[in-house]
Amino acid sequence: MSVIEIKDVTKIFGAYTKEVEELLHKNKTKNEILSETGSTVAVKSADLTIEKSEVFVVMGLSGSGKSTLIRLINRLIDPTTGDLMVKGKNVSKLSTSELREFRRENFSMVFQSFALFPFKTVLDNTAFGLEVRNVPKKERMEKAEHALKLVGLDGYKDQKPSQLSGGMQQRVGLARALANDTDILLMDEAFSALDPLIRKEMQNELLQLQQKMQKTIVFITHDLDEALSIGDRIALMKDGEIAQVGTPEEIVTNPANDYVKAFVKDIDRSKVLKVKHIMRPATPQENTDANPAIDSEDLLYKSYESFKNGITELTVKENDEVVGIVEFNKVFEVLAVGNEVEEDVR
């Protein structure tokens, strides 16, 4: 079921004149329109559908329009043209008071800069969104403590942000979003300021939380490895336009154009694609217990050891339940490795 629908949305910073409109219809580039009119095309004719409980990643380089796009979803930035549908409601048409209430009930947001109050404790920072919504103090503190426990910070509730590491501060930002208990989580470069090891740890933690909480997550990043690691689907943007939308497997193995191809050409697919991206459904006739098991969230390189032992199929499990089969031939078809490596594994 679609939770978010972005329908032919364009955002122009500067005057939206007849000249700009005509240049857009002529498919002039962002730089050409800026040069001729002085107006900046931040997002151009975006069409996206985001499903319930999906981790949807929007990625691109600086200036691609990705951060503008996420702010259009909850109308922190108003669109120039087009419609934004959230849970069947046209957010573009809401009044100021309606929009404020709709945001409080449906959206939580996590920023790259953490956005924590330095004079508040970790617990008070976590409870802040609930405080704004006038949730009674006892209830909001209980919810905040539960959220801190989810992100592993229940022992730090009385500390100030300055007493925490960068990774811990970002956990507070995530806990604040979770405490609000909204269905939609918007994450704008949430892990980009973190060191690589802490960043990977936060990515894994987000995926573990997602398995339990099943939020609809829109995640912005400029890092392809991050996008491929956490996204159920990815939209890759360039100069305000969406270059391709697809699953990690589709983006890596079937790039839509030269721009996307250049992005993915140096990717080690075995350390990006997960087993779940290439598995097939198991049939009732198959004896799945006869195969070694592998987790659906495991990266493909983890299947190598089993295949070296002459196994041709692995049973894929999620939370100890069989969810599919991954085949030797499919792994190497997707990875597009040479015959020498394939023979060695056989």
Protein backbone atom coordinates (compact mmCIF):
# COMPACT_ATOMS: atom_id res chain seq x y z
CA MET A 1 0.00 0.00 0.00
CA SER A 2 1.35 3.42 -0.98
CA VAL A 3 1.96 5.76 1.96
CA ILE A 4 3.66 8.59 0.06
CA GLU A 5 2.98 9.63 -3.54
CA ILE A 6 4.95 12.41 -5.19
CA LYS A 7 3.13 13.42 -8.35
CA ASP A 8 4.94 15.51 -10.97
CA VAL A 9 6.48 17.74 -8.30
CA THR A 10 8.76 20.61 -9.27
CA LYS A 11 10.49 23.07 -6.94
CA ILE A 12 11.98 26.30 -8.27
CA PHE A 13 14.02 28.59 -6.04
CA GLY A 14 13.55 32.06 -7.49
CA ALA A 15 10.83 33.44 -9.73
CA TYR A 16 8.63 30.89 -11.47
CA THR A 17 8.02 32.90 -14.59
CA LYS A 18 6.48 31.96 -17.92
CA GLU A 19 10.02 31.79 -19.29
CA VAL A 20 11.06 29.24 -16.65
CA GLU A 21 7.95 27.17 -17.37
CA GLU A 22 8.68 27.16 -21.10
CA LEU A 23 12.31 26.18 -20.56
CA LEU A 24 11.21 23.30 -18.33
CA HIS A 25 8.86 22.06 -21.04
CA LYS A 26 11.74 22.23 -23.52
CA ASN A 27 13.76 19.97 -21.18
CA LYS A 28 16.47 22.56 -20.68
CA THR A 29 19.07 21.59 -18.09
CA LYS A 30 19.28 23.00 -14.58
CA ASN A 31 22.38 25.03 -15.51
CA GLU A 32 20.79 26.38 -18.69
CA ILE A 33 17.70 27.58 -16.81
CA LEU A 34 19.85 29.19 -14.11
CA SER A 35 21.96 30.94 -16.74
CA GLU A 36 18.97 32.25 -18.70
CA THR A 37 16.60 33.18 -15.86
CA GLY A 38 18.49 33.27 -12.56
CA SER A 39 16.10 30.67 -11.10
CA THR A 40 17.30 27.36 -9.68
CA VAL A 41 15.55 24.09 -10.48
CA ALA A 42 15.92 22.13 -7.23
CA VAL A 43 13.51 19.33 -8.15
CA LYS A 44 12.09 18.73 -11.62
CA SER A 45 8.98 16.67 -12.41
CA ALA A 46 9.54 14.13 -9.63
CA ASP A 47 7.26 11.09 -9.59
CA LEU A 48 7.68 8.60 -6.74
CA THR A 49 5.58 6.12 -4.84
CA ILE A 50 6.78 4.94 -1.42
CA GLU A 51 5.19 1.87 0.10
CA LYS A 52 4.19 1.15 3.69
CA SER A 53 7.06 -0.14 5.88
CA GLU A 54 9.59 0.45 3.09
CA VAL A 55 13.10 1.81 3.58
CA PHE A 56 13.24 4.13 0.57
CA VAL A 57 16.62 5.77 -0.05
CA VAL A 58 17.08 8.94 -2.09
CA MET A 59 20.71 9.44 -3.07
CA GLY A 60 22.76 11.76 -5.20
CA LEU A 61 25.67 14.16 -5.11
CA SER A 62 25.57 17.60 -3.53
CA GLY A 63 23.08 19.79 -5.40
CA SER A 64 21.14 16.85 -6.83
CA GLY A 65 17.93 17.89 -5.04
CA LYS A 66 17.68 15.02 -2.57
CA SER A 67 17.43 17.12 0.61
CA THR A 68 14.91 19.43 -1.06
CA LEU A 69 12.83 16.40 -2.00
CA ILE A 70 12.58 15.07 1.55
CA ARG A 71 11.54 18.51 2.81
CA LEU A 72 8.83 18.65 0.17
CA ILE A 73 7.27 15.47 1.57
CA ASN A 74 6.31 17.14 4.86
CA ARG A 75 6.16 20.61 3.29
CA LEU A 76 9.02 22.17 5.17
CA ILE A 77 9.50 23.45 1.63
CA ASP A 78 6.43 24.16 -0.51
CA PRO A 79 6.37 22.69 -4.02
CA THR A 80 6.15 25.05 -6.99
CA THR A 81 3.95 22.64 -8.93
CA GLY A 82 2.62 19.12 -8.41
CA ASP A 83 0.91 17.21 -5.62
CA LEU A 84 2.20 15.46 -2.49
CA MET A 85 -0.06 12.70 -1.20
CA VAL A 86 0.57 11.20 2.25
CA LYS A 87 -1.78 8.49 3.49
CA GLY A 88 -4.26 9.55 0.85
CA LYS A 89 -4.26 13.20 1.91
CA ASN A 90 -3.00 15.96 -0.39
CA VAL A 91 -0.42 17.67 1.81
CA SER A 92 -0.04 20.42 -0.81
CA LYS A 93 -3.57 21.64 -0.05
CA LEU A 94 -3.44 21.71 3.77
CA SER A 95 -3.77 25.00 5.64
CA THR A 96 -0.99 26.07 8.01
CA SER A 97 -2.79 24.76 11.10
CA GLU A 98 -3.83 21.52 9.35
CA LEU A 99 -0.27 21.00 8.15
CA ARG A 100 1.18 21.55 11.61
CA GLU A 101 -1.14 18.96 13.12
CA PHE A 102 -0.59 16.52 10.25
CA ARG A 103 3.19 16.72 10.70
CA ARG A 104 2.94 16.08 14.43
CA GLU A 105 0.79 13.00 13.94
CA ASN A 106 2.56 11.45 10.96
CA PHE A 107 6.20 12.56 10.61
CA SER A 108 9.39 12.30 12.62
CA MET A 109 12.69 13.62 11.28
CA VAL A 110 16.35 12.87 12.00
CA PHE A 111 18.98 15.38 10.87
CA GLN A 112 22.69 15.11 10.11
CA SER A 113 23.50 17.79 12.69
CA PHE A 114 21.61 15.89 15.45
CA ALA A 115 19.62 19.06 16.39
CA LEU A 116 19.80 18.39 20.13
CA PHE A 117 19.27 21.04 22.81
CA PRO A 118 22.61 21.35 24.67
CA PHE A 119 20.92 22.49 27.91
CA LYS A 120 18.48 19.56 28.04
CA THR A 121 19.25 16.07 29.28
CA VAL A 122 19.22 13.09 26.93
CA LEU A 123 15.82 12.09 28.32
CA ASP A 124 14.34 15.58 27.89
CA ASN A 125 15.71 15.81 24.34
CA THR A 126 14.14 12.46 23.53
CA ALA A 127 10.78 13.56 24.95
CA PHE A 128 10.78 16.98 23.27
CA GLY A 129 8.54 16.06 20.33
CA LEU A 130 5.98 14.63 22.72
CA GLU A 131 6.21 17.76 24.87
CA VAL A 132 5.39 19.91 21.84
CA ARG A 133 2.36 17.70 21.25
CA ASN A 134 1.24 18.34 24.87
CA VAL A 135 1.55 14.70 25.87
CA PRO A 136 1.33 14.46 29.71
CA LYS A 137 4.75 14.40 31.37
CA LYS A 138 4.50 10.92 32.88
CA GLU A 139 3.46 9.39 29.56
CA ARG A 140 6.08 11.20 27.50
CA MET A 141 8.89 10.27 29.89
CA GLU A 142 7.85 6.62 29.77
CA LYS A 143 7.83 6.69 25.98
CA ALA A 144 11.18 8.51 25.89
CA GLU A 145 12.77 5.98 28.24
CA HIS A 146 11.46 3.12 26.09
CA ALA A 147 12.89 4.75 22.96
CA LEU A 148 16.29 5.23 24.63
CA LYS A 149 16.27 1.57 25.58
CA LEU A 150 15.60 0.62 21.96
CA VAL A 151 18.75 2.45 20.82
CA GLY A 152 20.88 1.25 23.75
CA LEU A 153 21.07 4.52 25.68
CA ASP A 154 18.87 3.81 28.69
CA GLY A 155 21.85 4.29 31.01
CA TYR A 156 22.55 7.81 29.71
CA LYS A 157 19.20 9.53 30.20
CA ASP A 158 20.53 12.10 32.71
CA GLN A 159 23.58 13.09 30.64
CA LYS A 160 23.82 16.21 28.48
CA PRO A 161 24.55 15.88 24.73
CA SER A 162 28.06 17.29 25.18
CA GLN A 163 28.89 14.28 27.36
CA LEU A 164 28.14 11.85 24.52
CA SER A 165 30.09 10.81 21.44
CA GLY A 166 28.84 11.71 17.96
CA GLY A 167 27.37 8.26 17.46
CA MET A 168 25.57 8.41 20.79
CA GLN A 169 24.19 11.87 20.00
CA GLN A 170 22.79 10.54 16.74
CA ARG A 171 21.18 7.71 18.69
CA VAL A 172 19.43 10.35 20.80
CA GLY A 173 18.13 11.96 17.61
CA LEU A 174 16.85 8.58 16.45
CA ALA A 175 15.31 7.86 19.87
CA ARG A 176 13.49 11.21 19.75
CA ALA A 177 12.00 10.25 16.40
CA LEU A 178 10.99 6.81 17.67
CA ALA A 179 9.45 8.23 20.85
CA ASN A 180 7.02 10.25 18.73
CA ASP A 181 5.74 6.92 17.43
CA THR A 182 4.77 8.27 14.00
CA ASP A 183 4.42 5.97 11.01
CA ILE A 184 6.81 7.92 8.77
CA LEU A 185 10.48 8.55 9.55
CA LEU A 186 12.40 11.10 7.44
CA MET A 187 16.19 10.81 7.76
CA ASP A 188 18.28 13.49 6.05
CA GLU A 189 21.97 12.46 5.86
CA ALA A 190 21.42 11.12 9.38
CA PHE A 191 24.69 9.17 9.58
CA SER A 192 26.89 11.25 7.26
CA ALA A 193 28.75 13.08 10.03
CA LEU A 194 29.78 9.87 11.79
CA ASP A 195 33.06 7.96 11.56
CA PRO A 196 32.89 4.97 9.16
CA LEU A 197 32.78 2.28 11.85
CA ILE A 198 30.12 4.07 13.90
CA ARG A 199 28.22 4.81 10.72
CA LYS A 200 28.08 1.12 9.79
CA GLU A 201 27.00 0.29 13.32
CA MET A 202 24.14 2.81 13.09
CA GLN A 203 23.06 1.42 9.71
CA ASN A 204 22.85 -2.08 11.18
CA GLU A 205 21.01 -0.78 14.22
CA LEU A 206 18.47 1.02 12.04
CA LEU A 207 17.78 -2.19 10.10
CA GLN A 208 17.35 -4.16 13.32
CA LEU A 209 14.91 -1.58 14.65
CA GLN A 210 13.07 -1.58 11.34
CA GLN A 211 12.48 -5.33 11.59
CA LYS A 212 10.68 -4.72 14.88
CA MET A 213 8.91 -1.43 14.19
CA GLN A 214 8.11 -1.51 10.45
CA LYS A 215 8.17 2.25 9.89
CA THR A 216 7.99 3.86 6.47
CA ILE A 217 11.48 5.37 6.19
CA VAL A 218 12.72 7.91 3.65
CA PHE A 219 16.51 8.05 3.95
CA ILE A 220 18.71 10.65 2.23
CA THR A 221 22.38 9.94 1.53
CA HIS A 222 25.20 10.79 -0.89
CA ASP A 223 26.89 7.43 -0.20
CA LEU A 224 26.06 4.61 -2.63
CA ASP A 225 27.34 1.91 -0.28
CA GLU A 226 24.99 3.19 2.41
CA ALA A 227 22.07 3.37 -0.01
CA LEU A 228 22.61 -0.17 -1.25
CA SER A 229 23.10 -1.52 2.26
CA ILE A 230 19.90 -0.25 3.83
CA GLY A 231 17.46 0.51 1.00
CA ASP A 232 14.57 -1.68 -0.08
CA ARG A 233 14.42 0.66 -3.08
CA ILE A 234 16.58 3.57 -4.19
CA ALA A 235 15.95 6.73 -6.19
CA LEU A 236 19.12 8.19 -7.67
CA MET A 237 18.95 11.93 -8.44
CA LYS A 238 20.98 14.19 -10.71
CA ASP A 239 20.44 17.94 -11.18
CA GLY A 240 16.98 17.83 -9.62
CA GLU A 241 15.76 14.92 -11.73
CA ILE A 242 15.27 11.28 -10.81
CA ALA A 243 17.69 9.24 -12.91
CA GLN A 244 16.49 5.81 -11.78
CA VAL A 245 14.30 4.11 -9.21
CA GLY A 246 14.83 0.47 -8.35
CA THR A 247 15.89 -2.17 -5.88
CA PRO A 248 19.59 -2.37 -4.99
CA GLU A 249 19.91 -5.32 -7.37
CA GLU A 250 18.27 -3.38 -10.21
CA ILE A 251 20.42 -0.30 -9.65
CA VAL A 252 23.67 -2.28 -9.59
CA THR A 253 22.96 -4.85 -12.29
CA ASN A 254 20.79 -2.83 -14.67
CA PRO A 255 21.72 0.89 -14.53
CA ALA A 256 19.27 3.03 -16.49
CA ASN A 257 21.84 5.34 -18.10
CA ASP A 258 25.52 6.28 -18.23
CA TYR A 259 25.23 8.45 -15.12
CA VAL A 260 23.95 5.56 -12.99
CA LYS A 261 26.44 3.19 -14.62
CA ALA A 262 29.32 5.47 -13.59
CA PHE A 263 28.03 5.46 -10.02
CA VAL A 264 28.00 1.69 -9.67
CA LYS A 265 30.94 0.58 -11.83
CA ASP A 266 33.43 0.14 -8.97
CA ILE A 267 31.05 -1.45 -6.48
CA ASP A 268 32.01 -4.84 -5.03
CA ARG A 269 28.59 -6.36 -5.45
CA SER A 270 29.24 -9.20 -3.03
CA LYS A 271 29.67 -6.69 -0.21
CA VAL A 272 26.65 -4.60 -1.14
CA LEU A 273 23.88 -6.89 -2.33
CA LYS A 274 22.12 -8.97 0.28
CA VAL A 275 20.88 -12.52 -0.02
CA LYS A 276 17.28 -11.28 0.07
CA HIS A 277 17.86 -9.24 -3.10
CA ILE A 278 18.49 -12.32 -5.28
CA MET A 279 16.67 -15.16 -3.52
CA ARG A 280 13.69 -16.88 -5.11
CA PRO A 281 10.61 -18.21 -3.29
CA ALA A 282 10.85 -21.76 -1.96
CA THR A 283 8.30 -24.20 -3.38
CA PRO A 284 6.28 -26.51 -1.10
CA GLN A 285 7.94 -29.54 -2.73
CA GLU A 286 11.49 -28.49 -1.80
CA ASN A 287 13.23 -29.96 1.22
CA THR A 288 14.64 -26.72 2.58
CA ASP A 289 15.97 -28.46 5.70
CA ALA A 290 18.51 -30.30 3.53
CA ASN A 291 20.34 -27.08 2.67
CA PRO A 292 22.62 -24.98 4.86
CA ALA A 293 20.82 -21.86 6.09
CA ILE A 294 21.77 -18.24 5.54
CA ASP A 295 20.10 -15.10 6.85
CA SER A 296 18.18 -12.91 4.41
CA GLU A 297 20.11 -9.83 5.60
CA ASP A 298 23.54 -11.43 5.00
CA LEU A 299 25.71 -9.99 2.25
CA LEU A 300 26.38 -12.29 -0.70
CA TYR A 301 30.04 -12.83 0.11
CA LYS A 302 28.96 -14.77 3.19
CA SER A 303 27.59 -17.50 0.93
CA TYR A 304 31.04 -18.30 -0.50
CA GLU A 305 32.09 -20.80 2.17
CA SER A 306 28.97 -22.92 1.71
CA PHE A 307 29.32 -22.96 -2.06
CA LYS A 308 32.97 -24.01 -1.77
CA ASN A 309 31.74 -27.23 -0.18
CA GLY A 310 29.84 -28.19 -3.31
CA ILE A 311 26.45 -26.91 -2.16
CA THR A 312 24.32 -25.47 -4.97
CA GLU A 313 21.45 -24.01 -2.91
CA LEU A 314 21.11 -22.30 0.46
CA THR A 315 17.92 -21.94 2.46
CA VAL A 316 17.24 -18.29 3.28
CA LYS A 317 15.74 -17.53 6.67
CA GLU A 318 14.40 -14.44 8.39
CA ASN A 319 13.70 -14.63 12.13
CA ASP A 320 14.18 -18.43 11.87
CA GLU A 321 11.43 -18.69 9.24
CA VAL A 322 12.18 -19.96 5.72
CA VAL A 323 11.62 -17.12 3.24
CA GLY A 324 13.35 -18.40 0.10
CA ILE A 325 16.23 -20.12 -1.69
CA VAL A 326 19.45 -18.62 -3.03
CA GLU A 327 21.15 -20.53 -5.83
CA PHE A 328 24.86 -20.79 -6.65
CA ASN A 329 24.31 -19.90 -10.32
CA LYS A 330 22.21 -16.85 -9.42
CA VAL A 331 24.88 -15.50 -7.06
CA PHE A 332 27.55 -15.58 -9.74
CA GLU A 333 25.21 -14.33 -12.44
CA VAL A 334 24.52 -11.24 -10.33
CA LEU A 335 28.13 -10.72 -9.30
CA ALA A 336 29.30 -11.24 -12.90
CA VAL A 337 32.56 -12.83 -11.72
CA GLY A 338 35.05 -14.46 -14.09
CA ASN A 339 35.31 -18.17 -14.83
CA GLU A 340 38.52 -18.46 -12.84
CA VAL A 341 36.82 -17.42 -9.61
CA GLU A 342 33.77 -19.56 -10.34
CA GLU A 343 35.91 -22.66 -10.95
CA ASP A 344 37.85 -22.02 -7.74
CA VAL A 345 34.66 -21.89 -5.70
CA ARG A 346 33.31 -25.03 -7.36
